């Protein structure tokens, strides 16, 4: 559980503190498009928000995609 909390904190820190506010929607849409495909738009947003606020874990397969979109290493674990 501690490991997952650390992963969520790393993701939230990157999203909240390292992305300019004006670009957050762009990054959110890219992550949703590439990591949460073929679901209803409302559900995709719900899943992304759950990842961001720690209500569900970020799948291991999504982490490298998120880092590729970010253009930097986010997850240290």
Foldseek 3Di string as FASTA:
>chain_A
DVLQVLLLVLVLCCLPPVDPPVCSVVLLVQLLPPPVPDDPPVVSVVVSVCSNVVVDGDDPVSQVVSCVSVVHHRRPD
